[in-house]
């Protein structure tokens, strides 16, 4: 019987050795490192703050690129191309623009990029998201900050841009924001280079080109065909070894462990249950918890905050509010009132028929996980995201349940 278990392990080791000794793998490594990129070398390709820093540098008229308001105008051309106000804006001198990163709003939240042109009465908010979702009421809060601020009440132009990696219809409206993507950023940069490339210092030109290539590869998913073909060849010839590596890279277990530690350390959560695919919890200080126990799921509680939710093929760690089916049809009315009250207090909408759940809010993407070097960095990320969702998912849910 000992020999039966021996051969599969031996064959797995041999497959891994063949992969490590592969000439194609050595060639792929050579091709990958031959194209040095400063942004990838510093491991900031998926860091929203670093992207915002770079864009803020390009947008600021009197920065070291010496191109004044050219990039700002090019970005506005891309974003506002279907709007009548564009012509009026582009004809103005926007060198009065003051670019602020991490601009603090009234509630303490920080706007990624804030552009104020006091002479031309123009204000622009850019919220930048890379592989993460919008925070609770984040876009609305920033927009309300501008619309209700005394300084900007007489501003003629109030522009709100939501920057993500994904493609949407041109100028698609979302909560009063114009959606733009990193393809639009590249288009604005290319237009800048066409107009001013010959005037740029060589160091500046190289810096911008590195950023462009990094976005194309890491954000837009564009890869050299030669490298793609080589990767496919390596996979065909070493499928068993590569599948074995993927199978044993259990990042989900690491994230689940980190998330459990963070949640258990919080004073505003209770009844924490750690499962294989996620974590269940309730807000603390519920004054009518026994009245909520009319279901047939998890200690008879019918409602939970569901963290992680790696079930059903989810790749990213997220959070949702989950409501189970009632035990008896007589409880359907109770469930309907429960759903209505939670929607009223949280602003979230439920989906589903038997099991009801809110739209998932991303806490940690797979790409985030790869970008962090240790568990403590993952925990710090999770703790920051937990603060973003605290008001809606914990405090508002507590209020809803206590009012039932």
Protein backbone atom coordinates (compact mmCIF):
# COMPACT_ATOMS: atom_id res chain seq x y z
CA UNK A 1 0.00 0.00 0.00
CA UNK A 2 2.96 2.33 0.66
CA UNK A 3 4.01 2.18 -2.98
CA UNK A 4 0.56 3.20 -4.21
CA UNK A 5 0.94 6.62 -2.59
CA UNK A 6 4.58 6.94 -3.60
CA UNK A 7 4.32 7.15 -7.36
CA UNK A 8 1.89 10.11 -7.62
CA UNK A 9 4.16 12.17 -5.33
CA UNK A 10 7.23 11.14 -7.32
CA UNK A 11 5.55 12.04 -10.60
CA UNK A 12 4.48 15.42 -9.20
CA UNK A 13 8.06 16.21 -8.16
CA UNK A 14 9.34 15.18 -11.58
CA UNK A 15 6.76 17.40 -13.29
CA UNK A 16 7.80 20.37 -11.14
CA UNK A 17 11.48 19.72 -11.89
CA UNK A 18 10.81 19.59 -15.65
CA UNK A 19 9.04 22.94 -15.37
CA UNK A 20 11.93 24.49 -13.42
CA UNK A 21 14.49 23.16 -15.93
CA UNK A 22 12.46 24.21 -18.97
CA UNK A 23 14.35 26.28 -21.54
CA UNK A 24 11.05 27.99 -22.40
CA UNK A 25 10.63 29.11 -18.78
CA UNK A 26 14.14 30.60 -18.83
CA UNK A 27 13.30 32.40 -22.08
CA UNK A 28 10.06 33.75 -20.61
CA UNK A 29 11.97 35.03 -17.59
CA UNK A 30 14.48 36.75 -19.87
CA UNK A 31 11.73 38.38 -21.95
CA UNK A 32 9.88 39.52 -18.84
CA UNK A 33 12.84 41.20 -17.15
CA UNK A 34 14.26 42.67 -20.34
CA UNK A 35 11.58 45.35 -20.37
CA UNK A 36 12.36 47.17 -17.14
CA UNK A 37 9.54 49.31 -15.78
CA UNK A 38 10.06 51.66 -12.87
CA UNK A 39 6.45 51.35 -11.67
CA UNK A 40 6.53 47.55 -11.65
CA UNK A 41 9.97 47.51 -10.04
CA UNK A 42 8.56 49.55 -7.15
CA UNK A 43 5.45 47.29 -7.03
CA UNK A 44 3.03 50.19 -7.27
CA UNK A 45 1.11 49.09 -10.37
CA UNK A 46 -2.02 48.25 -8.34
CA UNK A 47 -1.71 51.02 -5.77
CA UNK A 48 -4.52 53.58 -6.18
CA UNK A 49 -2.68 56.26 -4.20
CA UNK A 50 0.44 56.02 -6.39
CA UNK A 51 -1.66 56.23 -9.58
CA UNK A 52 -3.41 59.30 -8.17
CA UNK A 53 -0.02 60.82 -7.32
CA UNK A 54 1.16 60.37 -10.91
CA UNK A 55 -2.05 61.75 -12.40
CA UNK A 56 -2.02 64.66 -9.94
CA UNK A 57 1.51 65.48 -11.10
CA UNK A 58 0.43 65.50 -14.76
CA UNK A 59 -2.70 67.55 -14.01
CA UNK A 60 -0.94 70.28 -12.01
CA UNK A 61 -0.02 73.12 -14.46
CA UNK A 62 3.25 74.23 -12.84
CA UNK A 63 4.81 70.84 -12.13
CA UNK A 64 8.20 69.68 -13.44
CA UNK A 65 6.72 68.40 -16.73
CA UNK A 66 6.44 72.07 -17.79
CA UNK A 67 3.36 71.41 -19.93
CA UNK A 68 1.08 73.79 -18.02
CA UNK A 69 -2.62 72.84 -18.40
CA UNK A 70 -2.24 70.60 -21.48
CA UNK A 71 -2.96 67.26 -19.79
CA UNK A 72 -5.82 68.72 -17.75
CA UNK A 73 -7.48 69.92 -20.95
CA UNK A 74 -6.84 66.63 -22.74
CA UNK A 75 -8.45 64.68 -19.91
CA UNK A 76 -11.47 66.99 -19.90
CA UNK A 77 -11.75 66.57 -23.69
CA UNK A 78 -11.98 62.79 -23.26
CA UNK A 79 -14.40 62.95 -20.33
CA UNK A 80 -16.70 65.71 -21.63
CA UNK A 81 -16.57 64.93 -25.33
CA UNK A 82 -20.36 64.62 -25.61
CA UNK A 83 -21.15 67.76 -23.59
CA UNK A 84 -21.82 71.28 -24.84
CA UNK A 85 -19.84 72.90 -22.00
CA UNK A 86 -16.59 71.36 -23.27
CA UNK A 87 -15.93 74.02 -25.93
CA UNK A 88 -16.28 76.84 -23.43
CA UNK A 89 -13.95 75.12 -20.92
CA UNK A 90 -11.22 74.23 -23.42
CA UNK A 91 -10.95 77.83 -24.62
CA UNK A 92 -10.09 79.01 -21.11
CA UNK A 93 -6.66 79.33 -19.54
CA UNK A 94 -6.76 76.67 -16.81
CA UNK A 95 -3.32 77.35 -15.38
CA UNK A 96 -5.03 78.63 -12.22
CA UNK A 97 -5.83 75.00 -11.39
CA UNK A 98 -4.82 73.90 -7.91
CA UNK A 99 -4.55 70.11 -7.64
CA UNK A 100 -4.98 68.56 -4.19
CA UNK A 101 -4.50 64.87 -3.44
CA UNK A 102 -6.46 63.25 -0.60
CA UNK A 103 -8.64 66.34 -0.17
CA UNK A 104 -10.57 66.00 3.12
CA UNK A 105 -14.35 66.32 2.93
CA UNK A 106 -16.63 67.29 5.85
CA UNK A 107 -17.00 63.69 7.08
CA UNK A 108 -13.24 63.08 7.20
CA UNK A 109 -13.21 61.06 4.00
CA UNK A 110 -10.57 61.87 1.41
CA UNK A 111 -11.20 62.66 -2.25
CA UNK A 112 -8.47 61.12 -4.40
CA UNK A 113 -7.90 64.09 -6.74
CA UNK A 114 -9.49 67.52 -6.26
CA UNK A 115 -9.01 70.28 -8.84
CA UNK A 116 -10.00 73.86 -8.04
CA UNK A 117 -9.82 76.60 -10.70
CA UNK A 118 -11.05 79.67 -8.78
CA UNK A 119 -10.48 82.17 -11.62
CA UNK A 120 -12.45 80.09 -14.12
CA UNK A 121 -15.01 78.92 -11.54
CA UNK A 122 -14.34 75.24 -12.24
CA UNK A 123 -14.07 72.42 -9.73
CA UNK A 124 -13.41 68.77 -10.56
CA UNK A 125 -13.45 65.68 -8.33
CA UNK A 126 -11.77 62.48 -9.56
CA UNK A 127 -12.44 59.30 -7.58
CA UNK A 128 -9.90 56.65 -8.56
CA UNK A 129 -10.65 52.93 -8.09
CA UNK A 130 -8.32 50.10 -9.13
CA UNK A 131 -9.72 46.61 -8.49
CA UNK A 132 -11.84 47.86 -5.59
CA UNK A 133 -15.45 48.91 -5.30
CA UNK A 134 -16.99 52.20 -4.31
CA UNK A 135 -17.15 52.86 -0.58
CA UNK A 136 -20.47 53.33 1.23
CA UNK A 137 -22.11 56.53 -0.12
CA UNK A 138 -18.62 57.66 -1.07
CA UNK A 139 -19.45 59.26 -4.41
CA UNK A 140 -22.60 60.94 -3.11
CA UNK A 141 -20.75 62.38 -0.11
CA UNK A 142 -18.03 63.94 -2.27
CA UNK A 143 -20.57 65.37 -4.69
CA UNK A 144 -22.67 66.82 -1.86
CA UNK A 145 -19.52 68.35 -0.35
CA UNK A 146 -18.96 70.37 -3.53
CA UNK A 147 -22.61 71.19 -4.21
CA UNK A 148 -23.25 72.41 -0.66
CA UNK A 149 -19.94 74.20 0.00
CA UNK A 150 -20.23 77.99 0.12
CA UNK A 151 -17.00 78.44 -1.86
CA UNK A 152 -18.26 76.50 -4.88
CA UNK A 153 -21.90 77.63 -4.99
CA UNK A 154 -21.21 80.24 -7.66
CA UNK A 155 -18.88 77.98 -9.68
CA UNK A 156 -20.15 77.53 -13.22
CA UNK A 157 -18.49 74.18 -13.87
CA UNK A 158 -18.75 71.29 -11.40
CA UNK A 159 -17.31 68.09 -12.84
CA UNK A 160 -17.32 64.68 -11.15
CA UNK A 161 -15.29 61.83 -12.67
CA UNK A 162 -15.27 58.17 -11.57
CA UNK A 163 -12.07 56.49 -12.81
CA UNK A 164 -11.95 52.67 -12.98
CA UNK A 165 -10.12 50.05 -15.06
CA UNK A 166 -13.35 48.97 -16.74
CA UNK A 167 -14.91 50.16 -19.97
CA UNK A 168 -18.33 51.79 -20.03
CA UNK A 169 -20.40 53.60 -22.61
CA UNK A 170 -18.98 57.07 -23.37
CA UNK A 171 -19.85 59.55 -20.61
CA UNK A 172 -22.17 57.06 -18.90
CA UNK A 173 -23.66 58.78 -15.86
CA UNK A 174 -23.30 57.15 -12.45
CA UNK A 175 -24.59 58.92 -9.35
CA UNK A 176 -23.91 62.27 -11.01
CA UNK A 177 -20.42 61.18 -12.08
CA UNK A 178 -19.02 60.66 -15.56
CA UNK A 179 -17.38 57.27 -15.82
CA UNK A 180 -13.91 57.24 -17.32
CA UNK A 181 -11.45 54.35 -17.51
CA UNK A 182 -7.72 53.91 -17.81
CA UNK A 183 -8.07 53.63 -21.57
CA UNK A 184 -9.28 57.25 -21.44
CA UNK A 185 -6.24 58.16 -19.33
CA UNK A 186 -3.95 56.61 -21.95
CA UNK A 187 -5.78 58.48 -24.71
CA UNK A 188 -5.23 61.79 -22.89
CA UNK A 189 -1.55 60.93 -22.32
CA UNK A 190 -1.09 59.99 -26.00
CA UNK A 191 -2.64 63.30 -27.05
CA UNK A 192 -0.27 65.08 -24.66
CA UNK A 193 2.72 63.28 -26.16
CA UNK A 194 1.64 64.13 -29.72
CA UNK A 195 1.42 67.81 -28.87
CA UNK A 196 4.33 68.21 -26.49
CA UNK A 197 6.47 65.07 -26.71
CA UNK A 198 9.26 66.78 -28.61
CA UNK A 199 9.41 69.50 -25.94
CA UNK A 200 9.65 67.16 -22.95
CA UNK A 201 12.93 66.49 -21.18
CA UNK A 202 14.16 62.99 -21.95
CA UNK A 203 13.80 61.87 -18.31
CA UNK A 204 10.19 63.09 -18.20
CA UNK A 205 9.39 61.40 -21.51
CA UNK A 206 10.81 58.06 -20.29
CA UNK A 207 8.88 58.38 -17.01
CA UNK A 208 5.59 58.90 -18.84
CA UNK A 209 6.31 56.06 -21.29
CA UNK A 210 6.96 53.70 -18.37
CA UNK A 211 3.63 54.66 -16.87
CA UNK A 212 1.84 54.08 -20.18
CA UNK A 213 3.34 50.60 -20.61
CA UNK A 214 2.54 49.66 -17.03
CA UNK A 215 -1.11 50.69 -17.45
CA UNK A 216 -1.38 48.80 -20.74
CA UNK A 217 -0.04 45.63 -19.17
CA UNK A 218 -1.33 45.68 -15.60
CA UNK A 219 -4.56 47.65 -15.86
CA UNK A 220 -5.71 47.18 -19.45
CA UNK A 221 -4.48 43.58 -19.65
CA UNK A 222 -2.54 44.06 -22.87
CA UNK A 223 0.47 41.72 -23.20
CA UNK A 224 3.01 41.17 -25.96
CA UNK A 225 1.76 38.43 -28.33
CA UNK A 226 5.19 36.79 -28.24
CA UNK A 227 5.00 36.42 -24.45
CA UNK A 228 1.39 35.17 -24.63
CA UNK A 229 2.35 32.48 -27.15
CA UNK A 230 5.31 31.41 -25.02
CA UNK A 231 3.13 31.19 -21.89
CA UNK A 232 0.64 28.99 -23.74
CA UNK A 233 3.44 26.71 -24.94
CA UNK A 234 4.83 26.36 -21.40
CA UNK A 235 1.37 25.55 -20.04
CA UNK A 236 0.67 22.93 -22.72
CA UNK A 237 3.96 21.16 -22.01
CA UNK A 238 3.83 21.50 -18.21
CA UNK A 239 0.12 21.48 -17.47
CA UNK A 240 0.25 19.05 -14.52
CA UNK A 241 3.02 20.98 -12.73
CA UNK A 242 1.37 24.38 -13.24
CA UNK A 243 -2.04 23.07 -12.14
CA UNK A 244 -0.36 21.65 -9.03
CA UNK A 245 1.16 25.05 -8.21
CA UNK A 246 -2.20 26.79 -8.65
CA UNK A 247 -3.98 24.14 -6.57
CA UNK A 248 -1.60 24.63 -3.64
CA UNK A 249 -1.66 28.44 -3.73
CA UNK A 250 -4.55 28.72 -1.29
CA UNK A 251 -4.72 32.49 -0.89
CA UNK A 252 -8.35 32.20 0.21
CA UNK A 253 -7.36 30.42 3.44
CA UNK A 254 -4.84 33.17 4.21
CA UNK A 255 -7.41 35.91 3.59
CA UNK A 256 -10.06 34.08 5.64
CA UNK A 257 -7.64 33.79 8.56
CA UNK A 258 -6.66 37.46 8.37
CA UNK A 259 -10.28 38.55 8.08
CA UNK A 260 -11.31 36.41 11.05
CA UNK A 261 -8.61 37.99 13.22
CA UNK A 262 -9.72 41.51 12.26
CA UNK A 263 -13.42 40.82 12.83
CA UNK A 264 -12.87 39.09 16.18
CA UNK A 265 -10.90 42.11 17.38
CA UNK A 266 -13.77 44.54 16.69
CA UNK A 267 -15.97 45.67 19.55
CA UNK A 268 -18.97 46.47 17.33
CA UNK A 269 -19.62 42.88 16.16
CA UNK A 270 -20.94 39.77 17.91
CA UNK A 271 -22.11 36.19 17.22
CA UNK A 272 -19.12 35.63 14.94
CA UNK A 273 -19.17 32.31 13.07
CA UNK A 274 -16.19 31.33 10.87
CA UNK A 275 -17.05 28.93 8.04
CA UNK A 276 -15.05 27.42 5.18
CA UNK A 277 -16.17 30.08 2.70
CA UNK A 278 -16.83 33.08 4.88
CA UNK A 279 -17.58 34.69 8.22
CA UNK A 280 -20.96 35.53 9.70
CA UNK A 281 -21.49 38.25 12.27
CA UNK A 282 -24.10 40.57 13.75
CA UNK A 283 -23.78 44.13 15.06
CA UNK A 284 -23.43 44.35 18.83
CA UNK A 285 -25.94 46.01 21.18
CA UNK A 286 -29.04 44.53 19.58
CA UNK A 287 -31.93 44.94 22.02
CA UNK A 288 -34.36 42.51 20.38
CA UNK A 289 -32.11 39.70 19.17
CA UNK A 290 -34.50 36.93 20.24
CA UNK A 291 -37.26 38.39 18.06
CA UNK A 292 -34.98 38.00 15.04
CA UNK A 293 -34.61 34.26 15.56
CA UNK A 294 -37.49 32.99 13.51
CA UNK A 295 -35.46 31.29 10.77
CA UNK A 296 -33.96 27.84 10.57
CA UNK A 297 -30.37 28.85 9.87
CA UNK A 298 -27.37 29.45 12.17
CA UNK A 299 -28.83 29.52 15.70
CA UNK A 300 -32.19 30.51 14.16
CA UNK A 301 -30.97 33.99 13.26
CA UNK A 302 -32.47 35.07 9.98
CA UNK A 303 -30.10 37.93 9.21
CA UNK A 304 -26.29 38.22 9.19
CA UNK A 305 -23.48 40.31 7.82
CA UNK A 306 -21.66 37.89 5.53
CA UNK A 307 -17.94 38.63 5.19
CA UNK A 308 -15.62 37.07 2.54
CA UNK A 309 -18.19 34.91 0.71
CA UNK A 310 -15.75 32.84 -1.34
CA UNK A 311 -18.65 30.49 -2.14
CA UNK A 312 -20.12 30.15 -5.63
CA UNK A 313 -16.84 30.90 -7.36
CA UNK A 314 -16.25 34.37 -5.89
CA UNK A 315 -12.61 35.33 -6.40
CA UNK A 316 -12.55 38.49 -4.29
CA UNK A 317 -13.29 38.92 -0.60
CA UNK A 318 -16.45 40.96 -0.15
CA UNK A 319 -19.22 41.73 2.32
CA UNK A 320 -22.99 41.57 1.99
CA UNK A 321 -26.03 41.50 4.24
CA UNK A 322 -27.69 38.10 4.04
CA UNK A 323 -31.29 37.25 4.95
CA UNK A 324 -32.35 33.61 5.09
CA UNK A 325 -35.74 32.13 4.15
CA UNK A 326 -38.25 32.00 7.02
CA UNK A 327 -39.03 28.64 8.60
CA UNK A 328 -42.78 28.95 8.01
CA UNK A 329 -44.82 30.77 5.38
CA UNK A 330 -46.53 32.56 8.25
CA UNK A 331 -43.25 34.40 8.78
CA UNK A 332 -43.13 35.83 5.24
CA UNK A 333 -44.61 39.10 6.45
CA UNK A 334 -41.89 39.39 9.12
CA UNK A 335 -39.25 38.83 6.47
CA UNK A 336 -40.76 41.48 4.17
CA UNK A 337 -40.74 44.04 7.00
CA UNK A 338 -37.17 43.07 7.86
CA UNK A 339 -35.99 43.59 4.28
CA UNK A 340 -37.84 46.92 3.98
CA UNK A 341 -36.39 48.26 7.24
CA UNK A 342 -32.82 47.28 6.36
CA UNK A 343 -33.12 48.87 2.91
CA UNK A 344 -34.52 52.04 4.49
CA UNK A 345 -31.70 52.43 7.01
CA UNK A 346 -28.73 51.23 4.97
CA UNK A 347 -29.66 52.44 1.49
CA UNK A 348 -28.78 48.97 0.17
CA UNK A 349 -31.06 46.96 -2.08
CA UNK A 350 -31.69 43.23 -1.75
CA UNK A 351 -31.60 40.69 -4.55
CA UNK A 352 -32.56 37.04 -4.63
CA UNK A 353 -35.78 35.14 -4.01
CA UNK A 354 -35.48 32.65 -1.14
CA UNK A 355 -32.13 33.84 0.17
CA UNK A 356 -31.86 37.62 -0.07
CA UNK A 357 -28.53 39.43 -0.27
CA UNK A 358 -27.25 42.93 -0.96
CA UNK A 359 -24.83 43.86 -3.72
CA UNK A 360 -21.34 42.69 -2.60
CA UNK A 361 -18.90 45.37 -1.45
CA UNK A 362 -15.29 44.39 -2.24
CA UNK A 363 -12.96 44.32 0.75
CA UNK A 364 -9.93 42.64 -0.79
CA UNK A 365 -9.44 41.70 -4.44
CA UNK A 366 -7.26 38.86 -5.65
CA UNK A 367 -4.93 41.43 -7.18
CA UNK A 368 -4.68 43.24 -3.82
CA UNK A 369 -3.69 39.97 -2.18
CA UNK A 370 -0.90 39.36 -4.69
CA UNK A 371 0.39 42.89 -4.18
CA UNK A 372 0.90 42.51 -0.41
CA UNK A 373 3.99 40.81 0.93
CA UNK A 374 2.75 39.49 4.28
CA UNK A 375 -0.34 38.86 6.39
CA UNK A 376 0.04 42.08 8.38
CA UNK A 377 -0.25 44.17 5.20
CA UNK A 378 -3.42 42.23 4.31
CA UNK A 379 -4.84 42.88 7.79
CA UNK A 380 -4.08 46.60 7.53
CA UNK A 381 -5.93 46.73 4.19
CA UNK A 382 -8.92 44.87 5.66
CA UNK A 383 -9.03 47.15 8.73
CA UNK A 384 -9.12 50.21 6.47
CA UNK A 385 -11.93 48.74 4.38
CA UNK A 386 -13.88 47.79 7.52
CA UNK A 387 -13.93 51.45 8.53
CA UNK A 388 -15.34 52.35 5.11
CA UNK A 389 -18.27 49.96 5.51
CA UNK A 390 -18.84 50.48 9.24
CA UNK A 391 -21.57 53.11 8.95
CA UNK A 392 -23.74 51.31 6.41
CA UNK A 393 -23.15 47.64 7.13
CA UNK A 394 -22.74 47.69 10.91
CA UNK A 395 -24.17 50.87 12.45
CA UNK A 396 -27.10 51.26 10.04
CA UNK A 397 -27.95 47.56 10.25
CA UNK A 398 -27.95 47.79 14.06
CA UNK A 399 -30.38 50.72 13.87
CA UNK A 400 -32.64 48.84 11.46
CA UNK A 401 -32.79 45.71 13.61
CA UNK A 402 -33.38 47.65 16.83
CA UNK A 403 -36.27 49.56 15.26
CA UNK A 404 -38.12 46.40 14.22
